[in-house]
Amino acid sequence: MEDKKRYSSLGHRLNLTLIIMMLIMTGITLVVAYFALRDTYIDFYSESAQEAVNTIADSIAWDDGIDHFAETGEKDTYAEVTCDYLDMFKTNFPNISFLYMFVPYDDHFVYVYDSVREGDDMSGISSYGDRFDYGETEYEGLVVALKEKRGSVGVNYNNNSTYGKSISVWAPVFDNNGDIRLVVEADYYLDDIYHDINSFMLQIAAVLLLCAAVIILFMLIHVRKGVIEPLSSLYNTVEHYDHGVIKIDEKDYPYNDELRQLVDSFIMMAERIENYTEEVKRVVAEKERIGAELSVATGIQASMLPNKFPAFPDRDEIDIYAIMKPAKEVGGDFYDMFFVDESHLAIVVADVSGKGVPAALFMVIGKTLIKDHTNVGDNLGEVFYEVNNLLCDNNSEQMFITAYEAVIDLKTGRVDYVNAGHEHPFLLQRVEDGEYAYVEQKTNPQFVLAGMEGIPYTAASFEMKPGDRLVQYSDGVPEATDAKEELYGMARLNEYLNKNRDLAPKPLLEGLLEDINVFAGEAPQFDDITMLCLDFKKYME
């Protein structure tokens, strides 16, 4: 028993997809917000710090006391006030990590004053006179640029192992000649800024996650109600669909959307399937009826053709055998063999245009007329003339027959024949050493039967001797086609008959049919195949 295929839940996949998408969107929002907030904070602190050092630098008036203090580190009253002002400023702005003044030189700078507030780590406070080469600090380019641009200000972002990430801002103090004599600088550690940013981002993350949870919950409810439940209902409807009965609950499809259109389409499809099923049943029943009738027709047609062999078991002058293999259930080819009187045997091989039931019906008419009009001493040309006129009468379907009839006098071996558009037979005559030789008949076939009323037909004759053989056939033999659309052809037929000339009529024709089948292979049979072989053994006594 085949295992039932396991399916994953569409609802679970949709829910998981929604949750993942919302988390990704929340994460992207947080990342963007973080960098935007960080830049905003840093810009704000940078501007605030710049304003602070500008205010300090602008408040310092250069005089001899400040000049002396910068040169010696000895404070007069104004220098003392200035240093106290820096200490007060640093105290009032707790975000300032360092606030100091230094004297810039060409290749180094020297600390003048590093402000102190209560609680500062004094190990990080520089003393008056501490010297630093520019190459040892991160300020080289900025200080040089400051000196070159006279009065410029700037911001420097630092990141070192000692102080971590920080912002440095500065402003110049000019002497009475307009030269930069002193620089005020403030350093801000970013650890506090990042702490504030992280705290704020945690709040934003909590709000975003809460919003995301609400949105996800809303979407899950909406998806379940608008998608999952309608699809489940549609699945149950399809699974329990039976003979066109569709049970649809309107409340299962609350929205007039694509799913409802799908349901309506399924209802229409189910109705069409039901109608189509009924039509198929009707067609199958009709086909079965026609098949049964065709089977009966096949049996009737087979019974109308001589099919018991030997056909004339009490006559040792001849051996005769025939095969008719229709392309469809019933065919248009036919053959016949009958005694006109005790010493005259008639044979007929004919081919009705078309195939199937119409050809079979016309075949019955043609066969009956030919047999009924063949009498002892009749000219076969006159026979076909009368048959042709009768077949032309009321021939609304414009069908026609190619036919070959021969009457052999078993006492003399004389053969009278007439050919209405049919193939020439093979006449194999015994020559020396018992071999056969093919004798081609010179008379051309005449016009087909039922083609045109009033057509004259001319009979001809030839002689057969004991041991001679006549093989007649329909065009289905040489025109048998293989998968490459190559014809069996007259050359193969001639070769087969001459190779197997010693076979009796029955094995000869059965072998020929097998040879044709092997040649055609899987290619379908397009035309009826009819063959007749008459072996003239001796004269009638």
Protein backbone atom coordinates (compact mmCIF):
# COMPACT_ATOMS: atom_id res chain seq x y z
CA MET A 1 0.00 0.00 0.00
CA GLU A 2 1.40 3.39 -0.98
CA ASP A 3 2.31 5.62 1.96
CA LYS A 4 0.35 8.84 2.24
CA LYS A 5 2.50 11.80 1.34
CA ARG A 6 3.28 14.09 4.26
CA TYR A 7 2.72 17.81 3.78
CA SER A 8 4.02 20.74 5.81
CA SER A 9 1.59 23.30 7.20
CA LEU A 10 1.16 26.43 5.08
CA GLY A 11 -0.04 28.30 8.16
CA HIS A 12 3.12 27.46 10.10
CA ARG A 13 5.31 28.54 7.20
CA LEU A 14 3.42 31.83 6.77
CA ASN A 15 3.56 32.54 10.50
CA LEU A 16 7.27 31.79 10.63
CA THR A 17 7.87 33.95 7.56
CA LEU A 18 5.97 36.88 9.09
CA ILE A 19 7.87 36.61 12.37
CA ILE A 20 11.25 36.42 10.63
CA MET A 21 10.40 39.37 8.36
CA MET A 22 9.27 41.51 11.28
CA LEU A 23 12.39 40.62 13.29
CA ILE A 24 14.59 41.46 10.31
CA MET A 25 12.78 44.79 9.82
CA THR A 26 13.09 45.53 13.54
CA GLY A 27 16.79 44.68 13.48
CA ILE A 28 17.40 46.88 10.42
CA THR A 29 15.46 49.72 12.05
CA LEU A 30 17.52 49.39 15.24
CA VAL A 31 20.81 49.40 13.34
CA VAL A 32 19.85 52.45 11.31
CA ALA A 33 18.50 54.21 14.38
CA TYR A 34 21.66 53.39 16.34
CA PHE A 35 24.03 54.92 13.82
CA ALA A 36 21.75 57.88 13.22
CA LEU A 37 21.43 58.50 16.97
CA ARG A 38 25.17 58.05 17.50
CA ASP A 39 25.99 60.59 14.83
CA THR A 40 23.41 62.97 16.23
CA TYR A 41 24.81 62.64 19.76
CA ILE A 42 28.38 63.08 18.62
CA ASP A 43 27.48 66.11 16.51
CA PHE A 44 25.58 67.60 19.43
CA TYR A 45 28.44 67.03 21.89
CA SER A 46 30.96 68.27 19.36
CA GLU A 47 29.04 71.51 18.82
CA SER A 48 28.46 71.96 22.56
CA ALA A 49 32.13 71.30 23.33
CA GLN A 50 33.24 73.68 20.60
CA GLU A 51 31.00 76.42 21.96
CA ALA A 52 32.39 75.75 25.45
CA VAL A 53 36.06 76.11 24.49
CA ASN A 54 35.23 79.10 22.29
CA THR A 55 33.55 80.75 25.29
CA ILE A 56 36.56 80.02 27.50
CA ALA A 57 39.07 81.22 24.91
CA ASP A 58 37.09 84.40 24.28
CA SER A 59 36.90 85.11 28.04
CA ILE A 60 40.68 84.99 28.49
CA ALA A 61 42.19 88.46 27.96
CA TRP A 62 45.89 88.30 27.11
CA ASP A 63 47.93 90.49 29.46
CA ASP A 64 51.28 90.47 31.15
CA GLY A 65 50.00 88.26 33.97
CA ILE A 66 48.78 85.58 31.60
CA ASP A 67 51.95 85.94 29.55
CA HIS A 68 54.05 85.55 32.70
CA PHE A 69 51.94 82.59 33.82
CA ALA A 70 52.40 80.92 30.44
CA GLU A 71 56.14 81.51 30.60
CA THR A 72 56.83 80.63 34.24
CA GLY A 73 53.76 78.97 35.69
CA GLU A 74 53.55 81.68 38.38
CA LYS A 75 50.00 82.97 38.82
CA ASP A 76 48.99 86.51 39.47
CA THR A 77 45.44 87.37 40.48
CA TYR A 78 44.07 87.25 36.92
CA ALA A 79 45.84 84.00 36.14
CA GLU A 80 44.44 82.54 39.33
CA VAL A 81 40.94 83.66 38.36
CA THR A 82 41.41 82.17 34.91
CA CYS A 83 42.44 78.80 36.33
CA ASP A 84 39.53 78.85 38.77
CA TYR A 85 37.26 79.64 35.84
CA LEU A 86 38.49 76.52 34.02
CA ASP A 87 37.97 74.42 37.17
CA MET A 88 34.46 75.81 37.58
CA PHE A 89 33.65 75.18 33.93
CA LYS A 90 34.84 71.59 34.15
CA THR A 91 32.85 71.09 37.35
CA ASN A 92 29.67 72.45 35.79
CA PHE A 93 30.06 70.30 32.67
CA PRO A 94 30.55 66.73 33.94
CA ASN A 95 30.82 65.34 30.43
CA ILE A 96 34.13 67.14 30.00
CA SER A 97 36.87 64.63 30.76
CA PHE A 98 39.84 67.04 30.45
CA LEU A 99 39.95 70.82 30.13
CA TYR A 100 43.39 72.38 29.77
CA MET A 101 45.54 75.11 28.25
CA PHE A 102 48.79 74.61 26.39
CA VAL A 103 51.33 76.71 24.49
CA PRO A 104 51.88 75.49 20.92
CA TYR A 105 55.36 75.51 19.41
CA ASP A 106 56.59 74.36 16.03
CA ASP A 107 57.25 70.74 16.95
CA HIS A 108 55.79 70.36 20.46
CA PHE A 109 53.40 71.83 22.95
CA VAL A 110 53.74 72.54 26.67
CA TYR A 111 51.01 72.26 29.28
CA VAL A 112 50.17 75.47 31.11
CA TYR A 113 47.22 74.35 33.18
CA ASP A 114 45.11 71.17 33.42
CA SER A 115 41.89 71.91 35.35
CA VAL A 116 40.83 69.71 38.23
CA ARG A 117 37.47 68.95 39.75
CA GLU A 118 36.57 66.96 42.78
CA GLY A 119 36.87 63.24 42.20
CA ASP A 120 39.28 63.45 39.21
CA ASP A 121 41.93 60.79 38.89
CA MET A 122 45.05 62.91 39.43
CA SER A 123 47.23 60.34 37.65
CA GLY A 124 45.69 61.53 34.40
CA ILE A 125 46.16 65.28 35.15
CA SER A 126 49.18 66.91 33.53
CA SER A 127 51.34 69.47 35.35
CA TYR A 128 52.68 72.78 34.25
CA GLY A 129 55.57 72.41 31.91
CA ASP A 130 54.77 68.89 30.73
CA ARG A 131 56.00 68.71 27.17
CA PHE A 132 54.70 66.51 24.37
CA ASP A 133 56.06 66.23 20.90
CA TYR A 134 53.43 66.36 18.22
CA GLY A 135 54.62 63.04 16.87
CA GLU A 136 53.74 61.42 20.19
CA THR A 137 50.14 62.62 20.19
CA GLU A 138 47.16 62.64 17.93
CA TYR A 139 47.11 66.44 17.66
CA GLU A 140 50.02 67.10 15.38
CA GLY A 141 48.09 67.89 12.22
CA LEU A 142 45.37 69.77 14.01
CA VAL A 143 47.64 72.03 15.97
CA VAL A 144 49.76 72.83 12.94
CA ALA A 145 46.60 73.59 10.99
CA LEU A 146 45.42 75.74 13.86
CA LYS A 147 48.63 77.78 13.81
CA GLU A 148 48.59 78.14 10.06
CA LYS A 149 44.95 79.28 9.86
CA ARG A 150 45.11 81.69 12.77
CA GLY A 151 41.97 81.54 14.81
CA SER A 152 40.53 78.36 13.29
CA VAL A 153 38.75 75.82 15.48
CA GLY A 154 38.15 72.15 15.01
CA VAL A 155 37.10 68.78 16.34
CA ASN A 156 39.25 65.66 16.51
CA TYR A 157 37.90 62.14 17.06
CA ASN A 158 40.34 59.94 18.91
CA ASN A 159 40.54 56.27 19.72
CA ASN A 160 43.54 55.05 21.67
CA SER A 161 44.33 52.32 24.14
CA THR A 162 44.69 54.70 27.08
CA TYR A 163 41.56 56.83 26.89
CA GLY A 164 39.41 54.89 24.44
CA LYS A 165 37.10 56.83 22.12
CA SER A 166 36.99 60.57 22.72
CA ILE A 167 36.27 63.97 21.15
CA SER A 168 38.83 66.77 21.35
CA VAL A 169 37.90 70.37 20.60
CA TRP A 170 40.04 73.48 20.87
CA ALA A 171 40.07 77.23 20.43
CA PRO A 172 43.00 79.72 20.23
CA VAL A 173 43.83 82.61 22.57
CA PHE A 174 45.50 85.52 20.75
CA ASP A 175 47.95 88.07 22.14
CA ASN A 176 47.77 91.80 21.49
CA ASN A 177 49.60 91.33 18.17
CA GLY A 178 47.05 88.77 16.93
CA ASP A 179 49.39 85.79 17.33
CA ILE A 180 48.24 82.51 18.85
CA ARG A 181 49.88 82.31 22.25
CA LEU A 182 47.65 79.84 24.02
CA VAL A 183 45.22 77.06 23.09
CA VAL A 184 42.27 75.95 25.20
CA GLU A 185 41.26 72.31 24.63
CA ALA A 186 38.57 70.07 26.02
CA ASP A 187 38.39 66.30 25.76
CA TYR A 188 35.15 64.39 26.00
CA TYR A 189 35.14 60.65 26.60
CA LEU A 190 32.57 58.90 24.43
CA ASP A 191 31.99 56.07 26.87
CA ASP A 192 29.33 58.09 28.64
CA ILE A 193 27.83 59.12 25.32
CA TYR A 194 27.69 55.51 24.16
CA HIS A 195 26.19 54.51 27.47
CA ASP A 196 23.43 57.09 26.96
CA ILE A 197 22.98 55.90 23.38
CA ASN A 198 22.79 52.27 24.45
CA SER A 199 20.28 53.04 27.18
CA PHE A 200 18.14 54.98 24.72
CA MET A 201 18.46 52.24 22.10
CA LEU A 202 17.31 49.65 24.61
CA GLN A 203 14.19 51.71 25.14
CA ILE A 204 13.70 52.05 21.39
CA ALA A 205 14.27 48.30 20.94
CA ALA A 206 11.68 47.52 23.58
CA VAL A 207 9.17 49.82 21.91
CA LEU A 208 9.94 48.42 18.44
CA LEU A 209 9.68 44.82 19.61
CA LEU A 210 6.40 45.57 21.29
CA CYS A 211 5.10 47.22 18.12
CA ALA A 212 6.43 44.30 16.06
CA ALA A 213 4.69 41.83 18.37
CA VAL A 214 1.41 43.71 18.02
CA ILE A 215 1.80 43.89 14.22
CA ILE A 216 2.75 40.21 14.02
CA LEU A 217 -0.23 39.25 16.16
CA PHE A 218 -2.54 41.34 13.99
CA MET A 219 -1.10 39.90 10.79
CA LEU A 220 -1.25 36.33 12.11
CA ILE A 221 -4.91 36.77 13.00
CA HIS A 222 -5.60 38.37 9.62
CA VAL A 223 -3.65 35.71 7.70
CA ARG A 224 -5.34 32.91 9.60
CA LYS A 225 -8.79 34.32 9.06
CA GLY A 226 -8.26 35.55 5.50
CA VAL A 227 -5.92 32.90 4.10
CA ILE A 228 -5.31 29.81 6.20
CA GLU A 229 -8.87 29.05 7.23
CA PRO A 230 -10.34 29.67 3.73
CA LEU A 231 -7.60 27.48 2.21
CA SER A 232 -8.29 24.74 4.76
CA SER A 233 -11.98 24.95 3.98
CA LEU A 234 -11.25 24.80 0.26
CA TYR A 235 -8.98 21.80 0.84
CA ASN A 236 -11.73 19.98 2.73
CA THR A 237 -14.18 20.87 -0.02
CA VAL A 238 -11.86 19.51 -2.71
CA GLU A 239 -11.02 16.40 -0.69
CA HIS A 240 -14.68 15.56 -0.18
CA TYR A 241 -15.77 16.52 -3.67
CA ASP A 242 -18.04 13.81 -5.02
CA HIS A 243 -19.99 13.71 -8.26
CA GLY A 244 -20.29 17.45 -8.75
CA VAL A 245 -21.65 18.14 -5.23
CA ILE A 246 -19.93 21.26 -3.86
CA LYS A 247 -20.63 22.29 -0.28
CA ILE A 248 -19.51 25.88 0.30
CA ASP A 249 -20.05 27.72 3.59
CA GLU A 250 -20.11 31.46 2.87
CA LYS A 251 -18.78 32.38 6.31
CA ASP A 252 -15.57 30.47 5.53
CA TYR A 253 -14.72 33.09 2.89
CA PRO A 254 -15.27 36.50 4.54
CA TYR A 255 -13.42 38.53 1.89
CA ASN A 256 -14.27 39.01 -1.76
CA ASP A 257 -10.65 38.42 -2.82
CA GLU A 258 -8.57 36.05 -4.93
CA LEU A 259 -9.38 33.12 -2.65
CA ARG A 260 -13.09 33.68 -3.18
CA GLN A 261 -12.44 33.89 -6.92
CA LEU A 262 -10.54 30.59 -6.62
CA VAL A 263 -13.52 29.01 -4.86
CA ASP A 264 -15.90 30.29 -7.54
CA SER A 265 -13.54 28.99 -10.23
CA PHE A 266 -13.41 25.61 -8.49
CA ILE A 267 -17.21 25.47 -8.40
CA MET A 268 -17.33 26.19 -12.14
CA MET A 269 -14.57 23.64 -12.76
CA ALA A 270 -16.42 21.00 -10.74
CA GLU A 271 -19.57 21.61 -12.75
CA ARG A 272 -17.60 21.33 -15.98
CA ILE A 273 -15.90 18.15 -14.76
CA GLU A 274 -19.26 16.67 -13.91
CA ASN A 275 -20.65 17.60 -17.32
CA TYR A 276 -17.52 16.32 -19.00
CA THR A 277 -17.70 13.08 -17.00
CA GLU A 278 -21.28 12.53 -18.08
CA GLU A 279 -20.31 13.28 -21.67
CA VAL A 280 -17.38 10.86 -21.45
CA LYS A 281 -19.70 8.19 -20.08
CA ARG A 282 -22.09 8.80 -22.93
CA VAL A 283 -19.28 8.73 -25.50
CA VAL A 284 -17.77 5.57 -23.97
CA ALA A 285 -21.15 3.88 -23.97
CA GLU A 286 -21.68 4.94 -27.56
CA LYS A 287 -18.19 3.78 -28.46
CA GLU A 288 -18.80 0.45 -26.78
CA ARG A 289 -22.06 0.12 -28.69
CA ILE A 290 -20.35 1.00 -31.96
CA GLY A 291 -17.48 -1.34 -31.08
CA ALA A 292 -19.93 -4.15 -30.47
CA GLU A 293 -21.67 -3.41 -33.74
CA LEU A 294 -18.34 -3.23 -35.55
CA SER A 295 -17.41 -6.55 -34.03
CA VAL A 296 -20.61 -7.99 -35.41
CA ALA A 297 -19.90 -6.29 -38.75
CA THR A 298 -16.41 -7.81 -38.77
CA GLY A 299 -17.89 -11.23 -38.22
CA ILE A 300 -20.49 -10.66 -40.93
CA GLN A 301 -17.87 -9.48 -43.39
CA ALA A 302 -15.63 -12.44 -42.59
CA SER A 303 -18.55 -14.79 -43.11
CA MET A 304 -19.30 -13.24 -46.50
CA LEU A 305 -15.81 -14.00 -47.75
CA PRO A 306 -14.78 -17.58 -48.40
CA ASN A 307 -12.88 -18.45 -45.24
CA LYS A 308 -12.91 -22.23 -45.10
CA PHE A 309 -9.90 -23.87 -46.66
CA PRO A 310 -9.45 -25.94 -48.60
CA ALA A 311 -12.28 -24.07 -50.32
CA PHE A 312 -13.12 -26.93 -52.67
CA PRO A 313 -11.90 -30.11 -50.99
CA ASP A 314 -13.48 -32.38 -53.59
CA ARG A 315 -11.68 -30.70 -56.49
CA ASP A 316 -8.09 -31.89 -56.97
CA GLU A 317 -7.48 -29.79 -60.10
CA ILE A 318 -6.71 -26.70 -58.03
CA ASP A 319 -5.37 -25.50 -54.69
CA ILE A 320 -6.58 -22.03 -53.74
CA TYR A 321 -6.06 -19.84 -50.67
CA ALA A 322 -6.83 -16.19 -49.80
CA ILE A 323 -6.20 -13.72 -46.96
CA MET A 324 -7.87 -10.39 -46.19
CA LYS A 325 -6.50 -8.28 -43.32
CA PRO A 326 -8.50 -5.03 -42.90
CA ALA A 327 -6.84 -1.83 -41.69
CA LYS A 328 -9.86 -1.16 -39.45
CA GLU A 329 -12.54 -3.34 -37.91
CA VAL A 330 -14.09 -3.81 -41.32
CA GLY A 331 -12.45 -3.26 -44.66
CA GLY A 332 -13.15 -2.35 -48.25
CA ASP A 333 -11.07 -5.08 -49.87
CA PHE A 334 -12.72 -8.31 -50.82
CA TYR A 335 -12.03 -11.51 -52.65
CA ASP A 336 -14.26 -14.23 -53.95
CA MET A 337 -13.96 -17.67 -55.55
CA PHE A 338 -16.84 -19.65 -56.96
CA PHE A 339 -17.63 -22.19 -59.69
CA VAL A 340 -19.66 -20.78 -62.57
CA ASP A 341 -20.30 -24.38 -63.63
CA GLU A 342 -18.57 -27.69 -63.11
CA SER A 343 -15.49 -26.75 -65.13
CA HIS A 344 -15.24 -22.96 -64.80
CA LEU A 345 -13.82 -21.37 -61.64
CA ALA A 346 -14.12 -17.64 -61.13
CA ILE A 347 -11.82 -15.63 -58.83
CA VAL A 348 -12.24 -11.97 -57.87
CA VAL A 349 -9.92 -9.60 -55.99
CA ALA A 350 -11.18 -6.03 -55.50
CA ASP A 351 -10.51 -2.87 -53.51
CA VAL A 352 -13.19 -0.30 -52.57
CA SER A 353 -12.11 3.30 -52.17
CA GLY A 354 -11.95 4.34 -48.53
CA LYS A 355 -12.03 2.22 -45.40
CA GLY A 356 -14.32 1.27 -42.59
CA VAL A 357 -18.09 0.72 -42.63
CA PRO A 358 -18.93 2.73 -45.80
CA ALA A 359 -16.34 0.81 -47.82
CA ALA A 360 -17.53 -2.50 -46.34
CA LEU A 361 -21.13 -1.77 -47.32
CA PHE A 362 -20.11 -0.82 -50.85
CA MET A 363 -17.95 -3.94 -50.93
CA VAL A 364 -20.99 -6.13 -50.22
CA ILE A 365 -22.87 -4.53 -53.09
CA GLY A 366 -19.95 -4.89 -55.52
CA LYS A 367 -19.20 -8.47 -54.54
CA THR A 368 -22.82 -9.49 -54.89
CA LEU A 369 -23.26 -7.81 -58.29
CA ILE A 370 -20.08 -9.31 -59.74
CA LYS A 371 -21.02 -12.82 -58.63
CA ASP A 372 -24.63 -12.51 -59.77
CA HIS A 373 -23.68 -11.28 -63.26
CA THR A 374 -20.96 -13.86 -63.93
CA ASN A 375 -22.43 -16.69 -65.97
CA VAL A 376 -21.04 -19.40 -68.23
CA GLY A 377 -20.03 -18.05 -71.60
CA ASP A 378 -20.47 -14.39 -70.60
CA ASN A 379 -17.90 -11.91 -71.82
CA LEU A 380 -16.26 -10.55 -68.68
CA GLY A 381 -16.05 -7.12 -70.29
CA GLU A 382 -19.84 -7.13 -70.59
CA VAL A 383 -20.10 -8.33 -67.00
CA PHE A 384 -18.09 -5.38 -65.70
CA TYR A 385 -20.01 -3.03 -68.03
CA GLU A 386 -23.31 -4.01 -66.41
CA VAL A 387 -21.90 -4.04 -62.88
CA ASN A 388 -20.37 -0.60 -63.41
CA ASN A 389 -23.68 0.92 -64.55
CA LEU A 390 -25.52 -0.58 -61.58
CA LEU A 391 -22.88 0.71 -59.12
CA CYS A 392 -23.01 4.20 -60.64
CA ASP A 393 -26.74 4.37 -59.98
CA ASN A 394 -27.41 6.30 -56.74
CA ASN A 395 -23.69 6.43 -55.87
CA SER A 396 -24.06 9.67 -53.88
CA GLU A 397 -20.85 9.10 -51.91
CA GLN A 398 -18.82 8.90 -55.14
CA MET A 399 -17.14 5.65 -54.12
CA PHE A 400 -15.48 3.34 -56.63
CA ILE A 401 -13.99 -0.14 -56.87
CA THR A 402 -10.83 -1.47 -58.48
CA ALA A 403 -11.44 -5.09 -59.40
CA TYR A 404 -9.81 -8.03 -61.13
CA GLU A 405 -11.91 -11.05 -62.20
CA ALA A 406 -10.65 -14.16 -63.92
CA VAL A 407 -12.51 -17.32 -65.03
CA ILE A 408 -10.38 -20.43 -65.65
CA ASP A 409 -11.55 -23.35 -67.73
CA LEU A 410 -10.20 -26.30 -65.79
CA LYS A 411 -10.49 -28.56 -68.88
CA THR A 412 -8.34 -26.40 -71.17
CA GLY A 413 -6.43 -24.02 -68.85
CA ARG A 414 -7.81 -20.99 -70.72
CA VAL A 415 -8.15 -17.95 -68.44
CA ASP A 416 -10.49 -15.09 -69.40
CA TYR A 417 -10.03 -11.98 -67.28
CA VAL A 418 -10.97 -8.32 -67.01
CA ASN A 419 -9.14 -5.66 -64.99
CA ALA A 420 -10.91 -2.51 -63.79
CA GLY A 421 -8.05 -0.37 -62.46
CA HIS A 422 -6.58 -3.11 -60.28
CA GLU A 423 -3.00 -4.36 -59.90
CA HIS A 424 -1.59 -6.88 -62.38
CA PRO A 425 -1.34 -10.37 -60.88
CA PHE A 426 1.80 -12.43 -60.75
CA LEU A 427 1.62 -15.38 -63.19
CA LEU A 428 4.24 -17.98 -62.32
CA GLN A 429 4.71 -20.60 -65.03
CA ARG A 430 6.61 -23.83 -64.69
CA VAL A 431 9.60 -24.07 -67.01
CA GLU A 432 12.45 -26.57 -67.24
CA ASP A 433 13.66 -28.24 -64.03
CA GLY A 434 10.45 -27.28 -62.25
CA GLU A 435 11.44 -23.61 -61.75
CA TYR A 436 8.96 -20.76 -61.95
CA ALA A 437 9.17 -17.77 -64.29
CA TYR A 438 7.15 -14.58 -63.81
CA VAL A 439 5.10 -13.73 -66.93
CA GLU A 440 3.95 -10.10 -67.00
CA GLN A 441 0.52 -9.45 -68.45
CA LYS A 442 0.53 -6.84 -71.20
CA THR A 443 -3.07 -5.61 -70.95
CA ASN A 444 -3.31 -2.30 -69.07
CA PRO A 445 -5.92 -1.97 -66.34
CA GLN A 446 -9.09 -0.23 -67.45
CA PHE A 447 -11.27 2.35 -65.70
CA VAL A 448 -12.50 1.63 -62.15
CA LEU A 449 -16.02 0.43 -61.40
CA ALA A 450 -18.62 2.99 -60.26
CA GLY A 451 -16.43 5.81 -61.57
CA MET A 452 -18.50 6.74 -64.62
CA GLU A 453 -21.59 5.20 -66.19
CA GLY A 454 -21.33 3.70 -69.69
CA ILE A 455 -17.64 2.88 -69.63
CA PRO A 456 -16.78 -0.12 -71.88
CA TYR A 457 -14.51 -2.86 -70.54
CA THR A 458 -12.46 -5.28 -72.65
CA ALA A 459 -11.72 -8.83 -71.57
CA ALA A 460 -8.49 -10.64 -72.41
CA SER A 461 -7.16 -14.17 -71.96
CA PHE A 462 -4.03 -16.25 -71.38
CA GLU A 463 -3.18 -19.91 -70.90
CA MET A 464 -2.32 -21.76 -67.70
CA LYS A 465 -0.78 -25.20 -67.64
CA PRO A 466 -0.68 -27.68 -64.78
CA GLY A 467 1.91 -26.43 -62.28
CA ASP A 468 1.29 -22.76 -63.08
CA ARG A 469 0.31 -20.36 -60.33
CA LEU A 470 -1.65 -17.07 -60.26
CA VAL A 471 -1.06 -14.64 -57.36
CA GLN A 472 -3.35 -11.58 -57.13
CA TYR A 473 -3.36 -8.93 -54.41
CA SER A 474 -4.60 -5.44 -53.49
CA ASP A 475 -2.49 -2.29 -53.34
CA GLY A 476 -2.18 -2.68 -49.57
CA VAL A 477 0.62 -5.21 -50.22
CA PRO A 478 3.14 -3.15 -52.24
CA GLU A 479 2.12 0.07 -50.47
CA ALA A 480 2.68 -1.24 -46.95
CA THR A 481 4.83 1.37 -45.17
CA ASP A 482 7.42 1.17 -42.42
CA ALA A 483 8.27 3.80 -39.77
CA LYS A 484 10.57 5.57 -42.24
CA GLU A 485 7.67 5.81 -44.72
CA GLU A 486 9.42 3.42 -47.10
CA LEU A 487 7.13 1.23 -49.23
CA TYR A 488 7.28 -2.56 -49.30
CA GLY A 489 7.18 -2.23 -53.10
CA MET A 490 6.90 -4.52 -56.09
CA ALA A 491 10.58 -5.47 -56.02
CA ARG A 492 10.30 -7.02 -52.53
CA LEU A 493 7.03 -8.74 -53.51
CA ASN A 494 8.61 -10.22 -56.65
CA GLU A 495 11.68 -11.32 -54.70
CA TYR A 496 9.59 -13.00 -51.99
CA LEU A 497 7.38 -14.91 -54.46
CA ASN A 498 10.34 -16.21 -56.46
CA LYS A 499 12.26 -17.23 -53.34
CA ASN A 500 9.26 -19.14 -52.00
CA ARG A 501 7.76 -20.43 -55.28
CA ASP A 502 7.74 -24.02 -54.06
CA LEU A 503 5.48 -23.32 -51.10
CA ALA A 504 1.83 -24.27 -51.27
CA PRO A 505 -0.66 -21.35 -51.53
CA LYS A 506 -1.48 -21.21 -47.79
CA PRO A 507 2.11 -21.11 -46.39
CA LEU A 508 3.11 -18.87 -49.30
CA LEU A 509 0.53 -16.16 -48.47
CA GLU A 510 0.89 -16.52 -44.68
CA GLY A 511 4.66 -16.12 -45.06
CA LEU A 512 4.12 -13.08 -47.30
CA LEU A 513 1.88 -11.47 -44.67
CA GLU A 514 4.50 -12.13 -41.99
CA ASP A 515 7.21 -10.63 -44.21
CA ILE A 516 5.08 -7.49 -44.64
CA ASN A 517 4.52 -7.26 -40.87
CA VAL A 518 8.24 -7.58 -40.16
CA PHE A 519 8.97 -4.89 -42.73
CA ALA A 520 6.34 -2.46 -41.35
CA GLY A 521 7.43 -3.00 -37.73
CA GLU A 522 5.60 -0.63 -35.35
CA ALA A 523 4.19 1.48 -38.18
CA PRO A 524 0.37 1.39 -38.29
CA GLN A 525 -1.43 -0.36 -41.15
CA PHE A 526 -2.96 2.27 -43.42
CA ASP A 527 -4.68 0.09 -46.00
CA ASP A 528 -6.42 -3.26 -46.25
CA ILE A 529 -4.23 -6.16 -47.34
CA THR A 530 -5.76 -8.83 -49.58
CA MET A 531 -3.98 -11.71 -51.29
CA LEU A 532 -5.18 -14.70 -53.35
CA CYS A 533 -3.12 -17.59 -54.76
CA LEU A 534 -4.48 -20.11 -57.32
CA ASP A 535 -2.35 -23.18 -57.98
CA PHE A 536 -3.46 -25.01 -61.18
CA LYS A 537 -2.50 -28.63 -60.57
CA LYS A 538 -4.03 -30.57 -63.49
CA TYR A 539 -6.63 -30.51 -66.19
CA MET A 540 -10.12 -31.60 -65.39
CA GLU A 541 -10.90 -35.00 -66.82
